């Protein structure tokens, strides 16, 4: 990335650390490090690497909002939140809040789109969206066995591939995205929990 892009990332991090508690910020930095690794492994351009890493820093920026704050934020944007699945609200409010806090030189539509689906996924995700979705699950701070297994698979398979074979690595990314989505859908079904329609659409688009 360019020096200017790195400077912008530092500015984003300074804002995020003030809005997240210590545990949440530790997770955010784990996702950031995973995305930084992906930007190198997948040979992203400076622009795409910045988009991905900035989205990683911002993806949970609305996680600590109260219900009242989230509703007020969504009302400012003319959006009605699906409060029946509270665990995914922050991906939508996060994109809204990031758009309010930073100018369009710092955040981009592609970045906000990635934040907006980082928990549920969506049909026909872009590589950047897949990377953030995967990194949120595979960052090293996640101690659940399923998260560690996905991370080991992603890193292990990418290490086996010739560094110039970007398409082969993208196929690994597709497979990990599918596995994480399938695991999450199964987990929710087994526990009788609601599934966000976007996750269902994501799964159906991959099988």
N, C-alpha and C. Protein backbone atom coordinates (compact mmCIF):
# COMPACT_ATOMS: atom_id res chain seq x y z
N UNK A 1 0.83 -1.20 0.00
CA UNK A 1 0.00 0.00 0.00
C UNK A 1 0.87 1.25 0.00
N UNK A 2 0.31 2.36 -0.44
CA UNK A 2 1.04 3.61 -0.47
C UNK A 2 1.13 4.20 0.93
N UNK A 3 2.03 5.15 1.11
CA UNK A 3 2.19 5.82 2.41
C UNK A 3 0.89 6.53 2.80
N UNK A 4 0.21 7.12 1.81
CA UNK A 4 -1.05 7.82 2.10
C UNK A 4 -2.11 6.84 2.59
N UNK A 5 -2.18 5.66 1.95
CA UNK A 5 -3.15 4.65 2.38
C UNK A 5 -2.84 4.14 3.78
N UNK A 6 -1.56 3.93 4.07
CA UNK A 6 -1.16 3.49 5.41
C UNK A 6 -1.50 4.56 6.45
N UNK A 7 -1.35 5.84 6.08
CA UNK A 7 -1.69 6.94 6.98
C UNK A 7 -3.19 6.94 7.27
N UNK A 8 -3.99 6.69 6.24
CA UNK A 8 -5.45 6.64 6.43
C UNK A 8 -5.85 5.48 7.33
N UNK A 9 -5.18 4.35 7.19
CA UNK A 9 -5.46 3.21 8.06
C UNK A 9 -5.16 3.55 9.51
N UNK A 10 -4.08 4.26 9.74
CA UNK A 10 -3.74 4.67 11.11
C UNK A 10 -4.82 5.60 11.67
N UNK A 11 -5.34 6.49 10.82
CA UNK A 11 -6.40 7.39 11.25
C UNK A 11 -7.67 6.64 11.60
N UNK A 12 -8.00 5.64 10.79
CA UNK A 12 -9.18 4.82 11.08
C UNK A 12 -8.99 4.09 12.41
N UNK A 13 -7.82 3.51 12.60
CA UNK A 13 -7.55 2.75 13.83
C UNK A 13 -7.68 3.64 15.07
N UNK A 14 -7.25 4.89 14.96
CA UNK A 14 -7.34 5.81 16.10
C UNK A 14 -8.80 6.09 16.49
N UNK A 15 -9.68 6.11 15.50
CA UNK A 15 -11.10 6.33 15.78
C UNK A 15 -11.74 5.06 16.34
N UNK A 16 -11.40 3.92 15.72
CA UNK A 16 -12.02 2.64 16.12
C UNK A 16 -11.68 2.29 17.56
N UNK A 17 -10.45 2.51 17.98
CA UNK A 17 -10.04 2.13 19.33
C UNK A 17 -10.83 2.91 20.39
N UNK A 18 -11.34 4.06 20.03
CA UNK A 18 -12.14 4.86 20.97
C UNK A 18 -13.58 4.39 21.04
N UNK A 19 -14.01 3.61 20.06
CA UNK A 19 -15.41 3.20 19.98
C UNK A 19 -15.63 1.73 20.34
N UNK A 20 -14.57 0.99 20.56
CA UNK A 20 -14.70 -0.43 20.88
C UNK A 20 -14.06 -0.72 22.23
N UNK A 21 -14.63 -1.67 22.95
CA UNK A 21 -13.99 -2.08 24.20
C UNK A 21 -12.74 -2.90 23.86
N UNK A 22 -11.95 -3.19 24.87
CA UNK A 22 -10.65 -3.83 24.64
C UNK A 22 -10.78 -5.18 23.94
N UNK A 23 -11.76 -5.97 24.36
CA UNK A 23 -11.93 -7.30 23.77
C UNK A 23 -12.35 -7.20 22.31
N UNK A 24 -13.26 -6.28 22.02
CA UNK A 24 -13.71 -6.10 20.64
C UNK A 24 -12.59 -5.59 19.76
N UNK A 25 -11.79 -4.67 20.28
CA UNK A 25 -10.69 -4.12 19.49
C UNK A 25 -9.63 -5.18 19.21
N UNK A 26 -9.41 -6.06 20.18
CA UNK A 26 -8.46 -7.17 19.97
C UNK A 26 -8.93 -8.05 18.80
N UNK A 27 -10.24 -8.33 18.76
CA UNK A 27 -10.80 -9.09 17.64
C UNK A 27 -10.63 -8.32 16.33
N UNK A 28 -10.93 -7.04 16.37
CA UNK A 28 -10.80 -6.20 15.17
C UNK A 28 -9.39 -6.26 14.61
N UNK A 29 -8.40 -6.17 15.49
CA UNK A 29 -7.01 -6.20 15.03
C UNK A 29 -6.65 -7.59 14.51
N UNK A 30 -7.28 -8.64 15.09
CA UNK A 30 -7.06 -9.98 14.56
C UNK A 30 -7.58 -10.11 13.14
N UNK A 31 -8.77 -9.56 12.89
CA UNK A 31 -9.33 -9.57 11.54
C UNK A 31 -8.46 -8.75 10.60
N UNK A 32 -7.98 -7.62 11.09
CA UNK A 32 -7.09 -6.77 10.28
C UNK A 32 -5.83 -7.53 9.87
N UNK A 33 -5.22 -8.22 10.82
CA UNK A 33 -3.99 -8.96 10.50
C UNK A 33 -4.27 -10.09 9.51
N UNK A 34 -5.41 -10.75 9.67
CA UNK A 34 -5.77 -11.82 8.73
C UNK A 34 -6.00 -11.24 7.33
N UNK A 35 -6.64 -10.08 7.26
CA UNK A 35 -6.88 -9.44 5.96
C UNK A 35 -5.57 -8.94 5.34
N UNK A 36 -4.65 -8.46 6.17
CA UNK A 36 -3.35 -8.02 5.67
C UNK A 36 -2.62 -9.21 5.06
N UNK A 37 -2.68 -10.35 5.73
CA UNK A 37 -2.09 -11.58 5.18
C UNK A 37 -2.75 -11.94 3.86
N UNK A 38 -4.07 -11.89 3.79
CA UNK A 38 -4.77 -12.21 2.56
C UNK A 38 -4.39 -11.26 1.43
N UNK A 39 -4.22 -9.99 1.74
CA UNK A 39 -3.88 -9.02 0.70
C UNK A 39 -2.56 -9.38 0.03
N UNK A 40 -1.67 -9.99 0.79
CA UNK A 40 -0.37 -10.41 0.23
C UNK A 40 -0.49 -11.74 -0.50
N UNK A 41 -1.18 -12.69 0.12
CA UNK A 41 -1.33 -14.02 -0.47
C UNK A 41 -2.08 -13.97 -1.80
N UNK A 42 -3.10 -13.11 -1.87
CA UNK A 42 -3.90 -13.02 -3.07
C UNK A 42 -3.42 -11.92 -4.02
N UNK A 43 -2.25 -11.36 -3.71
CA UNK A 43 -1.60 -10.37 -4.59
C UNK A 43 -2.54 -9.23 -4.97
N UNK A 44 -3.20 -8.66 -3.96
CA UNK A 44 -4.13 -7.56 -4.23
C UNK A 44 -3.38 -6.29 -4.62
N UNK A 45 -4.02 -5.48 -5.43
CA UNK A 45 -3.46 -4.17 -5.76
C UNK A 45 -3.44 -3.31 -4.51
N UNK A 46 -2.71 -2.20 -4.55
CA UNK A 46 -2.68 -1.30 -3.40
C UNK A 46 -4.09 -0.85 -3.03
N UNK A 47 -4.89 -0.53 -4.04
CA UNK A 47 -6.25 -0.06 -3.79
C UNK A 47 -7.12 -1.11 -3.13
N UNK A 48 -7.05 -2.34 -3.64
CA UNK A 48 -7.86 -3.42 -3.06
C UNK A 48 -7.37 -3.80 -1.67
N UNK A 49 -6.05 -3.78 -1.48
CA UNK A 49 -5.50 -4.09 -0.15
C UNK A 49 -5.98 -3.07 0.87
N UNK A 50 -5.97 -1.80 0.47
CA UNK A 50 -6.45 -0.75 1.37
C UNK A 50 -7.94 -0.95 1.68
N UNK A 51 -8.73 -1.22 0.64
CA UNK A 51 -10.17 -1.44 0.83
C UNK A 51 -10.42 -2.56 1.82
N UNK A 52 -9.73 -3.68 1.65
CA UNK A 52 -9.92 -4.83 2.52
C UNK A 52 -9.49 -4.53 3.95
N UNK A 53 -8.32 -3.94 4.12
CA UNK A 53 -7.80 -3.70 5.47
C UNK A 53 -8.59 -2.62 6.20
N UNK A 54 -9.05 -1.61 5.48
CA UNK A 54 -9.88 -0.58 6.10
C UNK A 54 -11.22 -1.17 6.52
N UNK A 55 -11.79 -2.02 5.67
CA UNK A 55 -13.05 -2.70 6.02
C UNK A 55 -12.86 -3.56 7.26
N UNK A 56 -11.71 -4.20 7.37
CA UNK A 56 -11.42 -5.03 8.55
C UNK A 56 -11.42 -4.18 9.82
N UNK A 57 -10.81 -3.01 9.76
CA UNK A 57 -10.77 -2.14 10.93
C UNK A 57 -12.15 -1.63 11.30
N UNK A 58 -13.01 -1.45 10.31
CA UNK A 58 -14.31 -0.83 10.54
C UNK A 58 -15.47 -1.82 10.70
N UNK A 59 -15.22 -3.11 10.48
CA UNK A 59 -16.34 -4.04 10.34
C UNK A 59 -17.22 -4.14 11.59
N UNK A 60 -16.65 -3.96 12.77
CA UNK A 60 -17.44 -4.08 14.01
C UNK A 60 -17.61 -2.74 14.72
N UNK A 61 -17.47 -1.64 14.00
CA UNK A 61 -17.47 -0.33 14.66
C UNK A 61 -18.80 -0.01 15.34
N UNK A 62 -19.88 -0.66 14.89
CA UNK A 62 -21.19 -0.41 15.49
C UNK A 62 -21.61 -1.49 16.49
N UNK A 63 -20.70 -2.41 16.79
CA UNK A 63 -21.04 -3.55 17.63
C UNK A 63 -21.48 -3.13 19.03
N UNK A 64 -20.90 -2.06 19.55
CA UNK A 64 -21.19 -1.65 20.92
C UNK A 64 -22.32 -0.62 21.02
N UNK A 65 -22.99 -0.32 19.92
CA UNK A 65 -24.11 0.61 19.99
C UNK A 65 -25.25 -0.01 20.79
N UNK A 66 -25.96 0.80 21.54
CA UNK A 66 -27.16 0.32 22.21
C UNK A 66 -28.26 0.14 21.17
N UNK A 67 -29.32 -0.55 21.55
CA UNK A 67 -30.44 -0.75 20.63
C UNK A 67 -31.01 0.59 20.18
N UNK A 68 -31.13 1.53 21.12
CA UNK A 68 -31.68 2.84 20.80
C UNK A 68 -30.77 3.58 19.82
N UNK A 69 -29.46 3.48 20.01
CA UNK A 69 -28.51 4.14 19.12
C UNK A 69 -28.55 3.53 17.73
N UNK A 70 -28.68 2.21 17.67
CA UNK A 70 -28.75 1.53 16.37
C UNK A 70 -30.01 1.93 15.61
N UNK A 71 -31.12 2.02 16.33
CA UNK A 71 -32.38 2.40 15.69
C UNK A 71 -32.30 3.84 15.20
N UNK A 72 -31.74 4.73 16.01
CA UNK A 72 -31.61 6.14 15.62
C UNK A 72 -30.72 6.28 14.38
N UNK A 73 -29.63 5.52 14.35
CA UNK A 73 -28.73 5.53 13.21
C UNK A 73 -29.44 5.07 11.95
N UNK A 74 -30.15 3.97 12.05
CA UNK A 74 -30.85 3.43 10.88
C UNK A 74 -31.94 4.38 10.41
N UNK A 75 -32.60 5.06 11.34
CA UNK A 75 -33.64 6.01 10.96
C UNK A 75 -33.06 7.19 10.19
N UNK A 76 -31.85 7.60 10.57
CA UNK A 76 -31.20 8.69 9.83
C UNK A 76 -30.95 8.29 8.38
N UNK A 77 -30.78 7.00 8.15
CA UNK A 77 -30.50 6.50 6.81
C UNK A 77 -31.74 5.95 6.11
N UNK A 78 -32.88 6.05 6.77
CA UNK A 78 -34.11 5.58 6.18
C UNK A 78 -34.18 4.08 6.03
N UNK A 79 -33.53 3.37 6.96
CA UNK A 79 -33.46 1.90 6.90
C UNK A 79 -34.24 1.31 8.08
N UNK A 80 -35.01 0.28 7.82
CA UNK A 80 -35.72 -0.44 8.88
C UNK A 80 -34.93 -1.70 9.20
N UNK A 81 -34.46 -1.82 10.43
CA UNK A 81 -33.64 -2.96 10.83
C UNK A 81 -34.51 -4.18 11.17
N UNK A 82 -34.00 -5.37 10.85
CA UNK A 82 -34.66 -6.62 11.23
C UNK A 82 -34.20 -6.97 12.64
N UNK A 83 -34.95 -6.53 13.63
CA UNK A 83 -34.54 -6.73 15.01
C UNK A 83 -34.79 -8.15 15.50
N UNK A 84 -35.36 -9.01 14.65
CA UNK A 84 -35.59 -10.39 15.06
C UNK A 84 -34.29 -11.21 15.03
N UNK A 85 -33.27 -10.69 14.38
CA UNK A 85 -31.96 -11.36 14.37
C UNK A 85 -30.92 -10.32 14.82
N UNK A 86 -30.87 -10.02 16.11
CA UNK A 86 -30.02 -8.93 16.60
C UNK A 86 -28.53 -9.13 16.34
N UNK A 87 -28.08 -10.38 16.20
CA UNK A 87 -26.65 -10.63 16.05
C UNK A 87 -26.09 -10.13 14.72
N UNK A 88 -26.95 -9.82 13.76
CA UNK A 88 -26.45 -9.36 12.45
C UNK A 88 -26.67 -7.88 12.22
N UNK A 89 -27.36 -7.21 13.15
CA UNK A 89 -27.67 -5.79 12.95
C UNK A 89 -26.42 -4.96 12.75
N UNK A 90 -25.35 -5.30 13.50
CA UNK A 90 -24.16 -4.45 13.46
C UNK A 90 -23.49 -4.40 12.09
N UNK A 91 -23.73 -5.40 11.22
CA UNK A 91 -23.11 -5.30 9.91
C UNK A 91 -23.76 -4.17 9.09
N UNK A 92 -25.05 -3.99 9.27
CA UNK A 92 -25.77 -2.93 8.55
C UNK A 92 -25.49 -1.56 9.18
N UNK A 93 -25.58 -1.48 10.51
CA UNK A 93 -25.31 -0.20 11.17
C UNK A 93 -23.83 0.17 11.08
N UNK A 94 -22.97 -0.84 11.00
CA UNK A 94 -21.54 -0.57 10.85
C UNK A 94 -21.23 0.15 9.55
N UNK A 95 -21.86 -0.29 8.48
CA UNK A 95 -21.66 0.38 7.20
C UNK A 95 -22.20 1.80 7.24
N UNK A 96 -23.36 1.97 7.90
CA UNK A 96 -23.93 3.32 8.02
C UNK A 96 -23.01 4.24 8.82
N UNK A 97 -22.53 3.74 9.98
CA UNK A 97 -21.70 4.55 10.86
C UNK A 97 -20.37 4.90 10.20
N UNK A 98 -19.77 3.93 9.53
CA UNK A 98 -18.50 4.19 8.85
C UNK A 98 -18.67 5.28 7.79
N UNK A 99 -19.81 5.24 7.09
CA UNK A 99 -20.08 6.25 6.08
C UNK A 99 -20.28 7.63 6.66
N UNK A 100 -20.76 7.69 7.91
CA UNK A 100 -20.96 8.98 8.58
C UNK A 100 -19.65 9.54 9.13
N UNK A 101 -18.80 8.66 9.62
CA UNK A 101 -17.59 9.10 10.32
C UNK A 101 -16.45 9.51 9.40
N UNK A 102 -16.44 8.95 8.19
CA UNK A 102 -15.30 9.17 7.30
C UNK A 102 -15.75 9.67 5.93
N UNK A 103 -14.87 10.45 5.29
CA UNK A 103 -15.20 10.96 3.95
C UNK A 103 -14.98 9.87 2.91
N UNK A 104 -15.40 10.14 1.69
CA UNK A 104 -15.36 9.13 0.64
C UNK A 104 -13.95 8.86 0.12
N UNK A 105 -12.97 9.64 0.54
CA UNK A 105 -11.58 9.32 0.22
C UNK A 105 -11.07 8.22 1.16
N UNK A 106 -11.68 8.14 2.32
CA UNK A 106 -11.25 7.16 3.33
C UNK A 106 -12.04 5.87 3.20
N UNK A 107 -13.34 5.98 2.99
CA UNK A 107 -14.18 4.80 2.79
C UNK A 107 -14.76 4.84 1.38
N UNK A 108 -15.08 3.67 0.85
CA UNK A 108 -15.60 3.57 -0.51
C UNK A 108 -16.84 2.70 -0.51
N UNK A 109 -17.65 2.76 -1.56
CA UNK A 109 -18.82 1.88 -1.64
C UNK A 109 -18.45 0.40 -1.52
N UNK A 110 -17.33 -0.01 -2.11
CA UNK A 110 -16.90 -1.41 -2.04
C UNK A 110 -16.58 -1.81 -0.60
N UNK A 111 -15.98 -0.90 0.12
CA UNK A 111 -15.65 -1.15 1.52
C UNK A 111 -16.91 -1.30 2.36
N UNK A 112 -17.86 -0.40 2.16
CA UNK A 112 -19.11 -0.45 2.91
C UNK A 112 -19.91 -1.69 2.55
N UNK A 113 -19.87 -2.11 1.30
CA UNK A 113 -20.56 -3.33 0.89
C UNK A 113 -19.99 -4.55 1.62
N UNK A 114 -18.67 -4.58 1.77
CA UNK A 114 -18.03 -5.70 2.47
C UNK A 114 -18.43 -5.72 3.94
N UNK A 115 -18.47 -4.55 4.58
CA UNK A 115 -18.89 -4.47 5.98
C UNK A 115 -20.34 -4.93 6.12
N UNK A 116 -21.16 -4.55 5.14
CA UNK A 116 -22.60 -4.80 5.19
C UNK A 116 -22.95 -6.29 5.10
N UNK A 117 -22.01 -7.14 4.69
CA UNK A 117 -22.32 -8.58 4.59
C UNK A 117 -21.28 -9.45 5.29
N UNK A 118 -20.48 -8.86 6.19
CA UNK A 118 -19.37 -9.63 6.75
C UNK A 118 -19.82 -10.73 7.72
N UNK A 119 -21.03 -10.64 8.25
CA UNK A 119 -21.53 -11.66 9.17
C UNK A 119 -22.36 -12.72 8.45
N UNK A 120 -23.21 -12.30 7.55
CA UNK A 120 -24.14 -13.21 6.87
C UNK A 120 -23.67 -13.68 5.51
N UNK A 121 -22.74 -12.94 4.90
CA UNK A 121 -22.45 -13.18 3.50
C UNK A 121 -23.63 -12.71 2.66
N UNK A 122 -23.56 -12.95 1.37
CA UNK A 122 -24.66 -12.64 0.47
C UNK A 122 -24.42 -13.40 -0.82
N UNK A 123 -25.40 -13.41 -1.69
CA UNK A 123 -25.24 -14.10 -2.97
C UNK A 123 -24.19 -13.38 -3.82
N UNK A 124 -23.38 -14.17 -4.49
CA UNK A 124 -22.42 -13.63 -5.48
C UNK A 124 -21.49 -12.58 -4.88
N UNK A 125 -20.85 -12.93 -3.79
CA UNK A 125 -19.91 -12.02 -3.15
C UNK A 125 -18.69 -11.77 -4.03
N UNK A 126 -18.13 -10.57 -3.92
CA UNK A 126 -16.87 -10.24 -4.58
C UNK A 126 -15.72 -10.87 -3.78
N UNK A 127 -14.52 -10.98 -4.36
CA UNK A 127 -13.39 -11.51 -3.58
C UNK A 127 -13.13 -10.72 -2.30
N UNK A 128 -13.25 -9.39 -2.35
CA UNK A 128 -13.03 -8.58 -1.15
C UNK A 128 -14.06 -8.92 -0.08
N UNK A 129 -15.31 -9.07 -0.48
CA UNK A 129 -16.37 -9.42 0.48
C UNK A 129 -16.12 -10.79 1.08
N UNK A 130 -15.69 -11.74 0.25
CA UNK A 130 -15.39 -13.08 0.76
C UNK A 130 -14.23 -13.04 1.76
N UNK A 131 -13.22 -12.25 1.46
CA UNK A 131 -12.05 -12.20 2.33
C UNK A 131 -12.40 -11.65 3.71
N UNK A 132 -13.22 -10.60 3.76
CA UNK A 132 -13.61 -10.06 5.06
C UNK A 132 -14.51 -11.04 5.80
N UNK A 133 -15.44 -11.66 5.09
CA UNK A 133 -16.33 -12.66 5.68
C UNK A 133 -15.52 -13.80 6.29
N UNK A 134 -14.53 -14.28 5.55
CA UNK A 134 -13.69 -15.38 6.02
C UNK A 134 -12.81 -14.94 7.18
N UNK A 135 -12.19 -13.78 7.06
CA UNK A 135 -11.26 -13.31 8.10
C UNK A 135 -11.96 -13.11 9.43
N UNK A 136 -13.22 -12.70 9.40
CA UNK A 136 -13.99 -12.53 10.63
C UNK A 136 -14.15 -13.86 11.37
N UNK A 137 -14.11 -14.95 10.64
CA UNK A 137 -14.27 -16.29 11.20
C UNK A 137 -12.92 -16.92 11.55
N UNK A 138 -11.89 -16.61 10.77
CA UNK A 138 -10.61 -17.34 10.88
C UNK A 138 -9.51 -16.58 11.62
N UNK A 139 -9.78 -15.36 12.06
CA UNK A 139 -8.70 -14.62 12.74
C UNK A 139 -8.20 -15.41 13.95
N UNK A 140 -6.92 -15.25 14.24
CA UNK A 140 -6.24 -16.12 15.21
C UNK A 140 -6.82 -16.07 16.61
N UNK A 141 -7.52 -14.99 16.95
CA UNK A 141 -8.11 -14.88 18.28
C UNK A 141 -9.33 -15.76 18.49
N UNK A 142 -9.89 -16.28 17.42
CA UNK A 142 -11.05 -17.18 17.53
C UNK A 142 -10.56 -18.55 17.99
N UNK A 143 -10.98 -18.97 19.17
CA UNK A 143 -10.47 -20.22 19.74
C UNK A 143 -11.40 -21.42 19.53
N UNK A 144 -12.57 -21.18 18.93
CA UNK A 144 -13.45 -22.31 18.66
C UNK A 144 -12.78 -23.27 17.67
N UNK A 145 -12.99 -24.55 17.87
CA UNK A 145 -12.34 -25.54 17.01
C UNK A 145 -12.68 -25.32 15.54
N UNK A 146 -13.94 -25.02 15.25
CA UNK A 146 -14.34 -24.82 13.86
C UNK A 146 -13.58 -23.66 13.23
N UNK A 147 -13.38 -22.58 13.98
CA UNK A 147 -12.65 -21.43 13.46
C UNK A 147 -11.20 -21.78 13.20
N UNK A 148 -10.58 -22.49 14.14
CA UNK A 148 -9.18 -22.86 13.97
C UNK A 148 -9.01 -23.82 12.80
N UNK A 149 -9.95 -24.76 12.64
CA UNK A 149 -9.86 -25.70 11.52
C UNK A 149 -9.97 -24.98 10.18
N UNK A 150 -10.86 -24.01 10.09
CA UNK A 150 -11.00 -23.25 8.85
C UNK A 150 -9.74 -22.44 8.56
N UNK A 151 -9.17 -21.86 9.62
CA UNK A 151 -7.95 -21.07 9.45
C UNK A 151 -6.79 -21.95 8.99
N UNK A 152 -6.65 -23.11 9.62
CA UNK A 152 -5.58 -24.03 9.23
C UNK A 152 -5.74 -24.50 7.79
N UNK A 153 -6.97 -24.76 7.41
CA UNK A 153 -7.23 -25.19 6.02
C UNK A 153 -6.86 -24.07 5.05
N UNK A 154 -7.34 -22.86 5.32
CA UNK A 154 -7.07 -21.73 4.44
C UNK A 154 -5.58 -21.49 4.29
N UNK A 155 -4.88 -21.37 5.41
CA UNK A 155 -3.45 -21.07 5.36
C UNK A 155 -2.67 -22.24 4.77
N UNK A 156 -3.03 -23.46 5.18
CA UNK A 156 -2.31 -24.63 4.70
C UNK A 156 -2.45 -24.82 3.19
N UNK A 157 -3.67 -24.68 2.68
CA UNK A 157 -3.89 -24.87 1.24
C UNK A 157 -3.21 -23.78 0.43
N UNK A 158 -3.26 -22.54 0.92
CA UNK A 158 -2.61 -21.45 0.19
C UNK A 158 -1.10 -21.61 0.15
N UNK A 159 -0.54 -22.17 1.21
CA UNK A 159 0.91 -22.38 1.24
C UNK A 159 1.36 -23.43 0.22
N UNK A 160 0.46 -24.36 -0.12
CA UNK A 160 0.80 -25.42 -1.07
C UNK A 160 0.82 -24.94 -2.52
N UNK A 161 0.19 -23.80 -2.78
CA UNK A 161 -0.02 -23.33 -4.14
C UNK A 161 1.11 -22.41 -4.57
N UNK A 162 1.54 -22.56 -5.81
CA UNK A 162 2.57 -21.68 -6.38
C UNK A 162 2.14 -20.23 -6.22
N UNK A 163 3.05 -19.38 -5.79
CA UNK A 163 2.70 -17.99 -5.50
C UNK A 163 2.16 -17.23 -6.70
N UNK A 164 2.44 -17.71 -7.89
CA UNK A 164 1.96 -17.04 -9.09
C UNK A 164 0.59 -17.53 -9.54
N UNK A 165 0.08 -18.58 -8.88
CA UNK A 165 -1.21 -19.16 -9.29
C UNK A 165 -2.33 -18.54 -8.46
N UNK A 166 -2.68 -17.31 -8.81
CA UNK A 166 -3.71 -16.58 -8.06
C UNK A 166 -5.07 -17.25 -8.17
N UNK A 167 -5.39 -17.81 -9.33
CA UNK A 167 -6.70 -18.43 -9.52
C UNK A 167 -6.90 -19.63 -8.59
N UNK A 168 -5.82 -20.40 -8.38
CA UNK A 168 -5.93 -21.56 -7.49
C UNK A 168 -6.20 -21.10 -6.06
N UNK A 169 -5.58 -20.01 -5.65
CA UNK A 169 -5.82 -19.49 -4.31
C UNK A 169 -7.24 -18.94 -4.17
N UNK A 170 -7.73 -18.33 -5.22
CA UNK A 170 -9.10 -17.84 -5.19
C UNK A 170 -10.10 -18.99 -5.08
N UNK A 171 -9.76 -20.13 -5.67
CA UNK A 171 -10.62 -21.31 -5.53
C UNK A 171 -10.63 -21.80 -4.09
N UNK A 172 -9.49 -21.70 -3.41
CA UNK A 172 -9.44 -22.05 -1.99
C UNK A 172 -10.31 -21.09 -1.19
N UNK A 173 -10.24 -19.80 -1.52
CA UNK A 173 -11.08 -18.81 -0.86
C UNK A 173 -12.56 -19.14 -1.04
N UNK A 174 -12.93 -19.53 -2.25
CA UNK A 174 -14.32 -19.92 -2.52
C UNK A 174 -14.73 -21.11 -1.65
N UNK A 175 -13.84 -22.08 -1.55
CA UNK A 175 -14.16 -23.28 -0.78
C UNK A 175 -14.30 -22.96 0.71
N UNK A 176 -13.42 -22.12 1.24
CA UNK A 176 -13.51 -21.76 2.66
C UNK A 176 -14.78 -20.96 2.92
N UNK A 177 -15.11 -20.07 2.00
CA UNK A 177 -16.35 -19.29 2.14
C UNK A 177 -17.55 -20.23 2.19
N UNK A 178 -17.56 -21.22 1.32
CA UNK A 178 -18.67 -22.19 1.28
C UNK A 178 -18.71 -22.99 2.57
N UNK A 179 -17.57 -23.43 3.04
CA UNK A 179 -17.52 -24.24 4.27
C UNK A 179 -18.00 -23.46 5.48
N UNK A 180 -17.56 -22.21 5.60
CA UNK A 180 -17.98 -21.39 6.74
C UNK A 180 -19.48 -21.15 6.69
N UNK A 181 -20.00 -20.86 5.51
CA UNK A 181 -21.44 -20.62 5.37
C UNK A 181 -22.23 -21.88 5.72
N UNK A 182 -21.79 -23.01 5.20
CA UNK A 182 -22.46 -24.26 5.49
C UNK A 182 -22.42 -24.60 6.97
N UNK A 183 -21.27 -24.40 7.59
CA UNK A 183 -21.14 -24.67 9.03
C UNK A 183 -22.09 -23.79 9.82
N UNK A 184 -22.14 -22.50 9.48
CA UNK A 184 -22.97 -21.56 10.23
C UNK A 184 -24.45 -21.87 10.07
N UNK A 185 -24.87 -22.20 8.86
CA UNK A 185 -26.28 -22.55 8.63
C UNK A 185 -26.65 -23.79 9.46
N UNK A 186 -25.78 -24.80 9.44
CA UNK A 186 -26.03 -26.02 10.21
C UNK A 186 -26.09 -25.72 11.69
N UNK A 187 -25.17 -24.92 12.17
CA UNK A 187 -25.11 -24.54 13.59
C UNK A 187 -26.42 -23.87 14.02
N UNK A 188 -26.91 -22.94 13.20
CA UNK A 188 -28.14 -22.23 13.54
C UNK A 188 -29.36 -23.14 13.49
N UNK A 189 -29.41 -24.01 12.48
CA UNK A 189 -30.54 -24.93 12.35
C UNK A 189 -30.60 -25.87 13.54
N UNK A 190 -29.46 -26.42 13.92
CA UNK A 190 -29.42 -27.38 15.03
C UNK A 190 -29.85 -26.76 16.35
N UNK A 191 -29.71 -25.44 16.46
CA UNK A 191 -30.08 -24.77 17.71
C UNK A 191 -31.42 -24.04 17.60
N UNK A 192 -32.10 -24.27 16.49
CA UNK A 192 -33.42 -23.68 16.31
C UNK A 192 -33.42 -22.17 16.21
N UNK A 193 -32.34 -21.62 15.67
CA UNK A 193 -32.23 -20.16 15.56
C UNK A 193 -32.60 -19.69 14.15
N UNK A 194 -33.03 -18.44 14.07
CA UNK A 194 -33.37 -17.86 12.78
C UNK A 194 -32.12 -17.65 11.93
N UNK A 195 -32.28 -17.73 10.63
CA UNK A 195 -31.18 -17.52 9.69
C UNK A 195 -31.50 -16.31 8.83
N UNK A 196 -30.58 -15.37 8.78
CA UNK A 196 -30.78 -14.19 7.96
C UNK A 196 -30.94 -14.60 6.49
N UNK A 197 -31.92 -14.05 5.78
CA UNK A 197 -32.15 -14.42 4.38
C UNK A 197 -30.91 -14.27 3.49
N UNK A 198 -30.05 -13.32 3.81
CA UNK A 198 -28.86 -13.14 2.98
C UNK A 198 -27.92 -14.34 3.10
N UNK A 199 -27.88 -14.96 4.26
CA UNK A 199 -27.02 -16.14 4.41
C UNK A 199 -27.59 -17.31 3.62
N UNK A 200 -28.90 -17.45 3.62
CA UNK A 200 -29.54 -18.49 2.81
C UNK A 200 -29.23 -18.24 1.33
N UNK A 201 -29.33 -16.99 0.91
CA UNK A 201 -29.04 -16.64 -0.48
C UNK A 201 -27.56 -16.92 -0.81
N UNK A 202 -26.69 -16.63 0.15
CA UNK A 202 -25.27 -16.88 -0.06
C UNK A 202 -25.03 -18.38 -0.27
N UNK A 203 -25.62 -19.19 0.61
CA UNK A 203 -25.44 -20.64 0.50
C UNK A 203 -25.98 -21.16 -0.84
N UNK A 204 -27.18 -20.73 -1.20
CA UNK A 204 -27.79 -21.20 -2.43
C UNK A 204 -26.98 -20.80 -3.67
N UNK A 205 -26.30 -19.67 -3.59
CA UNK A 205 -25.49 -19.22 -4.74
C UNK A 205 -24.20 -20.01 -4.89
N UNK A 206 -23.83 -20.77 -3.82
CA UNK A 206 -22.56 -21.50 -3.85
C UNK A 206 -22.71 -22.99 -4.09
N UNK A 207 -23.95 -23.49 -4.09
CA UNK A 207 -24.14 -24.94 -4.24
C UNK A 207 -24.97 -25.25 -5.49
